[in-house]
């Protein structure tokens, strides 16, 4: 027999792959069991709710028993790839959407980061065991073993260094309480990954209007939370999120995997078929934009600052595009939300996702590709 199960962990002569594959299978089953509540890719459930379901029912199954293993970097990448794919599906995003977009919109850490947090927390539990064989082994290994050792405690030591925490022995000498250690470790892990993903986003030209420095890995993005349970609003938000992610199938992007040259196929003016062009400039969609502006002038928002923000942003093209794709990162909006509450944000996203969705809809109609 090549493998056997021990306390929920599959031990194999082939390493950790059998256990990881088993976790993938169990994770898929856990998600499939709750698909009828509206989280399937073809459903119109709010991704914010789907992500909450994933965190409650899916993630515990995915990493069950894995925190006690010594995983290789390749195995962690496989775990991250699987989890990212699930988040993409739950948010109805295109495959190969950049990592920062997937995680910041979901308000979720990568799977490897969550696993690291579990491992560090497990070590913290060991430090609170007085006169226990595990604490003696931990102290001995951390004091004598080389960094190349395959010991689990050495792996934990590398995590403490990665997340700029004190040496593990200091926690053996002065154990922290459960609450204090949880807050300390979580803040360091989140800070590390927010910095890392923000740095990755800055290097991608397609994410010009994606501003992760104003986002968090702990809270789902307002692009989802402002939709509520309205399936039509969710459909609009999905298009807006694809545009924000830089992976919306505009002509400029399609040129990489089709025979077109990247110019707008609607106006035939040799203009680049970019998202900016579609939302603000394309002559073929001028009537659509006029209708949207007329509707804006007729609408009365409950927040007095909503029209003020919209009028201010429409004075400059770059601010207009930022408003249409993600108004939550505008300094003026952040200031108003802090003083007046979230109503302003709800109304701005209601306006912006209607604009993005209507442009998308009429573009497909002009191409003869809109299905009622």
Protein backbone atom coordinates (compact mmCIF):
# COMPACT_ATOMS: atom_id res chain seq x y z
CA UNK A 1 0.00 0.00 0.00
CA UNK A 2 1.47 3.34 -1.09
CA UNK A 3 -0.61 5.55 1.23
CA UNK A 4 -2.72 5.46 4.36
CA UNK A 5 -4.84 7.93 6.31
CA UNK A 6 -3.84 8.99 9.81
CA UNK A 7 -5.91 11.50 11.86
CA UNK A 8 -7.39 12.96 8.66
CA UNK A 9 -4.06 13.29 6.82
CA UNK A 10 -3.11 11.01 3.93
CA UNK A 11 0.47 9.82 4.39
CA UNK A 12 2.10 8.57 1.20
CA UNK A 13 5.49 7.49 -0.10
CA UNK A 14 4.83 9.97 -2.92
CA UNK A 15 4.87 12.97 -0.58
CA UNK A 16 2.04 15.40 0.08
CA UNK A 17 0.36 15.27 -3.34
CA UNK A 18 -2.17 12.54 -2.43
CA UNK A 19 -3.35 14.57 0.57
CA UNK A 20 -3.54 17.81 -1.47
CA UNK A 21 -5.51 16.11 -4.24
CA UNK A 22 -7.84 14.64 -1.64
CA UNK A 23 -8.38 18.15 -0.23
CA UNK A 24 -9.21 19.46 -3.71
CA UNK A 25 -11.79 16.72 -4.17
CA UNK A 26 -13.35 17.37 -0.76
CA UNK A 27 -13.33 21.12 -1.38
CA UNK A 28 -15.17 20.68 -4.68
CA UNK A 29 -17.76 18.47 -3.01
CA UNK A 30 -18.26 21.01 -0.23
CA UNK A 31 -18.89 23.78 -2.75
CA UNK A 32 -21.10 21.64 -4.97
CA UNK A 33 -23.29 20.82 -1.98
CA UNK A 34 -24.19 24.52 -1.60
CA UNK A 35 -24.40 25.48 -5.29
CA UNK A 36 -28.24 25.59 -5.21
CA UNK A 37 -28.15 28.66 -2.93
CA UNK A 38 -27.06 30.72 -5.98
CA UNK A 39 -23.27 30.58 -6.07
CA UNK A 40 -22.89 28.63 -9.34
CA UNK A 41 -21.22 30.47 -12.22
CA UNK A 42 -24.48 30.50 -14.20
CA UNK A 43 -26.48 31.90 -11.29
CA UNK A 44 -26.95 35.57 -10.47
CA UNK A 45 -26.23 35.39 -6.77
CA UNK A 46 -24.15 38.16 -5.25
CA UNK A 47 -20.45 37.17 -5.30
CA UNK A 48 -20.10 38.77 -1.85
CA UNK A 49 -22.44 36.11 -0.47
CA UNK A 50 -20.73 33.37 -2.48
CA UNK A 51 -17.34 34.34 -1.04
CA UNK A 52 -18.79 34.30 2.47
CA UNK A 53 -20.09 30.78 1.82
CA UNK A 54 -16.65 29.75 0.53
CA UNK A 55 -14.94 31.09 3.66
CA UNK A 56 -17.44 29.31 5.91
CA UNK A 57 -17.88 25.95 4.17
CA UNK A 58 -15.09 25.65 1.62
CA UNK A 59 -11.80 26.93 3.01
CA UNK A 60 -11.88 24.86 6.27
CA UNK A 61 -12.28 21.72 4.11
CA UNK A 62 -9.54 22.75 1.68
CA UNK A 63 -6.80 23.17 4.30
CA UNK A 64 -8.01 20.57 6.80
CA UNK A 65 -4.98 18.71 8.17
CA UNK A 66 -2.60 20.54 5.83
CA UNK A 67 -1.17 22.85 8.50
CA UNK A 68 0.73 19.92 10.03
CA UNK A 69 2.56 19.10 6.80
CA UNK A 70 5.88 20.36 5.49
CA UNK A 71 4.89 21.62 2.05
CA UNK A 72 7.19 22.42 -0.85
CA UNK A 73 6.88 25.70 -2.75
CA UNK A 74 5.49 23.84 -5.77
CA UNK A 75 2.75 22.32 -3.63
CA UNK A 76 1.82 25.73 -2.23
CA UNK A 77 1.55 27.10 -5.78
CA UNK A 78 -0.82 24.28 -6.72
CA UNK A 79 -2.94 25.08 -3.66
CA UNK A 80 -3.00 28.78 -4.57
CA UNK A 81 -3.90 28.03 -8.18
CA UNK A 82 -6.85 25.87 -7.15
CA UNK A 83 -8.19 28.42 -4.68
CA UNK A 84 -7.74 31.35 -7.07
CA UNK A 85 -9.66 29.45 -9.75
CA UNK A 86 -12.57 29.01 -7.33
CA UNK A 87 -12.59 32.72 -6.44
CA UNK A 88 -12.57 33.60 -10.16
CA UNK A 89 -15.59 31.39 -10.71
CA UNK A 90 -17.47 32.72 -7.69
CA UNK A 91 -16.91 36.29 -8.93
CA UNK A 92 -17.67 35.37 -12.57
CA UNK A 93 -14.31 36.77 -13.67
CA UNK A 94 -12.35 35.61 -16.70
CA UNK A 95 -9.70 32.95 -16.27
CA UNK A 96 -6.16 34.25 -15.72
CA UNK A 97 -7.43 37.46 -14.17
CA UNK A 98 -4.45 39.05 -12.33
CA UNK A 99 -3.99 37.81 -8.76
CA UNK A 100 -4.35 41.26 -7.13
CA UNK A 101 -7.75 41.77 -8.75
CA UNK A 102 -9.10 38.38 -7.70
CA UNK A 103 -8.00 38.66 -4.07
CA UNK A 104 -8.75 42.35 -3.46
CA UNK A 105 -12.22 42.15 -5.01
CA UNK A 106 -12.95 39.05 -2.94
CA UNK A 107 -11.38 40.50 0.20
CA UNK A 108 -9.51 37.24 0.70
CA UNK A 109 -5.96 36.12 1.34
CA UNK A 110 -4.41 33.52 -1.00
CA UNK A 111 -4.72 29.90 0.15
CA UNK A 112 -1.01 29.71 1.01
CA UNK A 113 -1.33 32.78 3.26
CA UNK A 114 -4.31 31.26 5.09
CA UNK A 115 -2.35 28.03 5.49
CA UNK A 116 0.66 29.95 6.83
CA UNK A 117 -1.58 31.64 9.35
CA UNK A 118 -2.89 28.25 10.46
CA UNK A 119 0.65 26.91 10.86
CA UNK A 120 1.80 29.90 12.89
CA UNK A 121 -1.33 29.67 15.04
CA UNK A 122 -0.68 25.96 15.58
CA UNK A 123 2.83 26.75 16.75
CA UNK A 124 1.40 29.40 19.08
CA UNK A 125 -0.84 26.75 20.63
CA UNK A 126 2.23 24.59 21.24
CA UNK A 127 4.02 27.47 23.01
CA UNK A 128 1.19 27.60 25.57
CA UNK A 129 1.64 23.93 26.52
CA UNK A 130 3.66 23.96 29.74
CA UNK A 131 6.18 21.13 30.33
CA UNK A 132 5.02 19.31 27.22
CA UNK A 133 7.14 17.10 24.98
CA UNK A 134 6.17 19.20 21.94
CA UNK A 135 7.58 22.39 23.48
CA UNK A 136 10.80 20.56 24.35
CA UNK A 137 11.14 19.21 20.81
CA UNK A 138 10.40 22.66 19.37
CA UNK A 139 13.06 24.32 21.51
CA UNK A 140 15.64 21.64 20.67
CA UNK A 141 14.99 21.75 16.90
CA UNK A 142 14.93 25.55 16.73
CA UNK A 143 18.19 25.73 18.68
CA UNK A 144 20.18 23.04 16.89
CA UNK A 145 18.74 22.20 13.45
CA UNK A 146 20.01 23.84 10.28
CA UNK A 147 17.75 25.96 8.08
CA UNK A 148 17.86 23.22 5.43
CA UNK A 149 16.24 20.75 7.83
CA UNK A 150 12.92 19.17 6.79
CA UNK A 151 11.48 19.68 10.28
CA UNK A 152 8.05 21.32 10.59
CA UNK A 153 9.46 23.67 13.24
CA UNK A 154 12.12 24.92 10.81
CA UNK A 155 9.37 25.63 8.28
CA UNK A 156 7.54 27.62 10.95
CA UNK A 157 10.76 29.49 11.66
CA UNK A 158 10.98 30.51 7.99
CA UNK A 159 7.40 31.80 8.18
CA UNK A 160 8.24 33.93 11.21
CA UNK A 161 11.13 35.44 9.25
CA UNK A 162 8.98 35.94 6.15
CA UNK A 163 6.32 37.87 8.06
CA UNK A 164 8.84 39.90 10.12
CA UNK A 165 7.94 38.27 13.43
CA UNK A 166 10.32 37.66 16.32
CA UNK A 167 12.26 34.40 16.46
CA UNK A 168 9.98 31.47 17.44
CA UNK A 169 12.06 30.78 20.56
CA UNK A 170 11.01 34.15 21.98
CA UNK A 171 7.41 32.94 21.87
CA UNK A 172 8.44 29.71 23.63
CA UNK A 173 10.06 31.81 26.36
CA UNK A 174 7.16 34.26 26.68
CA UNK A 175 3.97 32.70 25.24
CA UNK A 176 1.25 35.12 24.15
CA UNK A 177 -2.40 34.66 24.97
CA UNK A 178 -4.65 33.19 22.32
CA UNK A 179 -6.26 36.54 21.47
CA UNK A 180 -3.00 38.51 21.46
CA UNK A 181 -1.18 35.99 19.25
CA UNK A 182 -4.12 35.79 16.84
CA UNK A 183 -4.21 39.57 16.36
CA UNK A 184 -0.43 39.86 16.04
CA UNK A 185 0.01 37.08 13.50
CA UNK A 186 -3.01 38.08 11.42
CA UNK A 187 -1.88 41.71 11.14
CA UNK A 188 1.62 40.71 9.99
CA UNK A 189 0.37 38.19 7.42
CA UNK A 190 -2.21 40.60 5.99
CA UNK A 191 0.32 43.47 5.82
CA UNK A 192 2.80 41.28 3.95
CA UNK A 193 0.32 40.07 1.34
CA UNK A 194 -1.31 43.47 0.85
CA UNK A 195 2.12 44.96 0.15
CA UNK A 196 3.06 42.09 -2.18
CA UNK A 197 -0.16 42.16 -4.22
CA UNK A 198 -0.17 45.96 -4.43
CA UNK A 199 3.35 45.83 -5.82
CA UNK A 200 2.28 43.25 -8.42
CA UNK A 201 -0.67 45.41 -9.50
CA UNK A 202 1.57 48.44 -10.09
CA UNK A 203 3.57 46.48 -12.65
CA UNK A 204 0.51 45.75 -14.84
CA UNK A 205 -0.44 48.43 -17.37
CA UNK A 206 -3.89 46.90 -17.80
CA UNK A 207 -4.76 47.80 -14.18
CA UNK A 208 -4.55 51.57 -14.63
CA UNK A 209 -7.80 52.20 -12.77
CA UNK A 210 -7.39 49.42 -10.22
CA UNK A 211 -6.06 51.07 -7.05
CA UNK A 212 -5.32 48.34 -4.45
CA UNK A 213 -3.66 50.82 -2.09
CA UNK A 214 -7.20 51.82 -1.09
CA UNK A 215 -8.44 48.21 -0.79
CA UNK A 216 -8.25 45.49 1.85
CA UNK A 217 -7.81 41.73 1.86
CA UNK A 218 -10.22 41.48 4.78
CA UNK A 219 -13.31 43.13 3.28
CA UNK A 220 -15.15 42.29 0.05
CA UNK A 221 -14.96 45.14 -2.46
CA UNK A 222 -17.94 47.57 -2.71
CA UNK A 223 -18.35 46.57 -6.36
CA UNK A 224 -20.07 43.45 -4.93
CA UNK A 225 -21.42 44.63 -1.58
CA UNK A 226 -23.34 47.56 -3.11
CA UNK A 227 -25.40 45.20 -5.32
CA UNK A 228 -27.51 43.72 -2.54
CA UNK A 229 -29.56 40.71 -3.58
CA UNK A 230 -30.80 42.20 -6.87
CA UNK A 231 -29.77 39.79 -9.62
CA UNK A 232 -29.96 42.48 -12.31
CA UNK A 233 -27.60 44.71 -10.36
CA UNK A 234 -25.26 41.74 -9.92
CA UNK A 235 -25.22 41.22 -13.71
CA UNK A 236 -24.19 44.86 -14.15
CA UNK A 237 -21.49 44.60 -11.49
CA UNK A 238 -19.96 41.55 -13.20
CA UNK A 239 -19.40 43.57 -16.39
CA UNK A 240 -17.99 46.47 -14.36
CA UNK A 241 -15.61 44.12 -12.51
CA UNK A 242 -14.37 42.65 -15.80
CA UNK A 243 -13.67 46.15 -17.11
CA UNK A 244 -11.87 47.09 -13.90
CA UNK A 245 -9.80 43.90 -14.07
CA UNK A 246 -8.42 44.85 -17.50
CA UNK A 247 -9.73 41.58 -18.95
CA UNK A 248 -12.95 42.83 -20.54
CA UNK A 249 -13.05 41.58 -24.15
CA UNK A 250 -12.59 44.95 -25.83
CA UNK A 251 -11.11 45.04 -29.34
CA UNK A 252 -7.73 46.17 -28.05
CA UNK A 253 -7.47 43.03 -25.91
CA UNK A 254 -9.00 40.64 -28.45
CA UNK A 255 -6.25 41.48 -30.95
CA UNK A 256 -3.90 39.24 -28.95
CA UNK A 257 -5.90 36.12 -29.86
CA UNK A 258 -7.76 37.03 -33.06
CA UNK A 259 -7.09 38.48 -36.50
CA UNK A 260 -8.30 42.05 -35.78
CA UNK A 261 -5.74 44.84 -35.38
CA UNK A 262 -7.12 46.26 -32.14
CA UNK A 263 -8.99 49.23 -33.64
CA UNK A 264 -12.60 49.81 -32.63
CA UNK A 265 -14.86 47.67 -34.82
CA UNK A 266 -17.87 49.90 -34.13
CA UNK A 267 -16.76 53.32 -35.40
CA UNK A 268 -14.14 52.26 -37.99
CA UNK A 269 -12.06 55.38 -37.27
CA UNK A 270 -8.74 53.60 -36.55
CA UNK A 271 -9.23 54.43 -32.87
CA UNK A 272 -7.90 51.85 -30.38
CA UNK A 273 -10.79 49.72 -29.18
CA UNK A 274 -10.00 50.27 -25.52
CA UNK A 275 -12.32 50.41 -22.52
CA UNK A 276 -11.68 54.17 -22.32
CA UNK A 277 -12.79 54.56 -25.93
CA UNK A 278 -15.96 52.52 -25.41
CA UNK A 279 -17.05 54.25 -22.21
CA UNK A 280 -16.42 57.86 -23.24
CA UNK A 281 -15.48 58.41 -26.88
CA UNK A 282 -16.86 55.91 -29.40
CA UNK A 283 -19.18 57.81 -31.85
CA UNK A 284 -21.26 54.67 -32.39
CA UNK A 285 -22.25 54.77 -28.71
CA UNK A 286 -22.80 58.53 -28.49
CA UNK A 287 -26.59 58.13 -28.35
CA UNK A 288 -26.24 55.65 -25.50
CA UNK A 289 -24.10 58.05 -23.48
CA UNK A 290 -26.55 60.89 -24.11
CA UNK A 291 -29.37 58.74 -22.79
CA UNK A 292 -27.35 57.87 -19.67
CA UNK A 293 -26.59 61.54 -18.97
CA UNK A 294 -30.26 62.49 -19.40
CA UNK A 295 -31.22 59.76 -16.98
CA UNK A 296 -28.62 61.07 -14.53
CA UNK A 297 -30.09 64.59 -14.68
CA UNK A 298 -33.60 63.27 -14.01
CA UNK A 299 -32.59 61.05 -11.10
CA UNK A 300 -32.74 62.42 -7.56
CA UNK A 301 -30.23 60.86 -5.18
CA UNK A 302 -30.79 60.85 -1.44
CA UNK A 303 -27.16 61.79 -0.75
CA UNK A 304 -26.56 65.47 -1.50
CA UNK A 305 -22.93 64.75 -2.35
CA UNK A 306 -23.64 62.19 -5.10
CA UNK A 307 -24.34 64.70 -7.88
CA UNK A 308 -21.46 66.85 -6.62
CA UNK A 309 -18.98 63.97 -6.98
CA UNK A 310 -20.30 62.99 -10.42
CA UNK A 311 -20.19 66.56 -11.77
CA UNK A 312 -16.68 67.07 -10.38
CA UNK A 313 -15.37 63.82 -11.89
CA UNK A 314 -16.92 64.46 -15.32
CA UNK A 315 -14.72 67.54 -15.72
CA UNK A 316 -11.63 65.37 -16.35
CA UNK A 317 -11.43 62.23 -18.46
CA UNK A 318 -9.22 60.25 -16.10
CA UNK A 319 -11.42 61.03 -13.09
CA UNK A 320 -14.51 60.14 -15.12
CA UNK A 321 -13.09 56.73 -15.97
CA UNK A 322 -12.09 56.16 -12.35
CA UNK A 323 -15.64 57.06 -11.28
CA UNK A 324 -17.15 54.65 -13.80
CA UNK A 325 -14.85 51.74 -12.97
CA UNK A 326 -14.27 52.12 -9.22
CA UNK A 327 -15.41 55.26 -7.41
CA UNK A 328 -14.55 53.85 -3.97
CA UNK A 329 -10.88 54.82 -4.35
CA UNK A 330 -11.49 58.51 -5.10
CA UNK A 331 -10.18 60.64 -2.18
CA UNK A 332 -13.29 62.83 -2.27
CA UNK A 333 -15.56 59.79 -2.06
CA UNK A 334 -13.54 58.26 0.79
CA UNK A 335 -13.85 61.52 2.74
CA UNK A 336 -17.61 61.78 2.22
CA UNK A 337 -18.19 58.12 3.13
CA UNK A 338 -16.26 58.55 6.38
CA UNK A 339 -18.46 61.48 7.40
CA UNK A 340 -21.84 60.69 5.81
CA UNK A 341 -21.93 56.89 5.69
CA UNK A 342 -22.13 54.32 2.84
CA UNK A 343 -25.23 55.70 1.07
CA UNK A 344 -23.06 57.82 -1.25
CA UNK A 345 -21.07 54.76 -2.27
CA UNK A 346 -24.24 52.77 -2.98
CA UNK A 347 -25.57 55.51 -5.26
CA UNK A 348 -22.27 56.06 -7.10
CA UNK A 349 -21.91 52.36 -7.87
CA UNK A 350 -25.58 52.17 -8.93
CA UNK A 351 -24.84 54.92 -11.48
CA UNK A 352 -21.44 53.61 -12.64
CA UNK A 353 -22.38 49.97 -13.12
CA UNK A 354 -25.50 51.04 -15.07
CA UNK A 355 -23.24 53.07 -17.36
CA UNK A 356 -20.76 50.20 -17.90
CA UNK A 357 -23.49 47.62 -18.43
CA UNK A 358 -25.52 49.76 -20.87
CA UNK A 359 -22.42 50.50 -22.95
CA UNK A 360 -21.58 46.77 -22.96
CA UNK A 361 -25.13 45.80 -23.89
CA UNK A 362 -25.46 48.26 -26.79
CA UNK A 363 -21.99 47.36 -28.07
CA UNK A 364 -23.05 43.73 -28.36
CA UNK A 365 -26.32 44.77 -29.99
CA UNK A 366 -24.45 46.74 -32.66
CA UNK A 367 -22.29 43.66 -33.27
CA UNK A 368 -25.41 41.48 -33.44
CA UNK A 369 -24.25 39.39 -30.52
CA UNK A 370 -26.76 40.38 -27.83
CA UNK A 371 -28.98 37.50 -26.70
CA UNK A 372 -32.24 38.51 -25.04
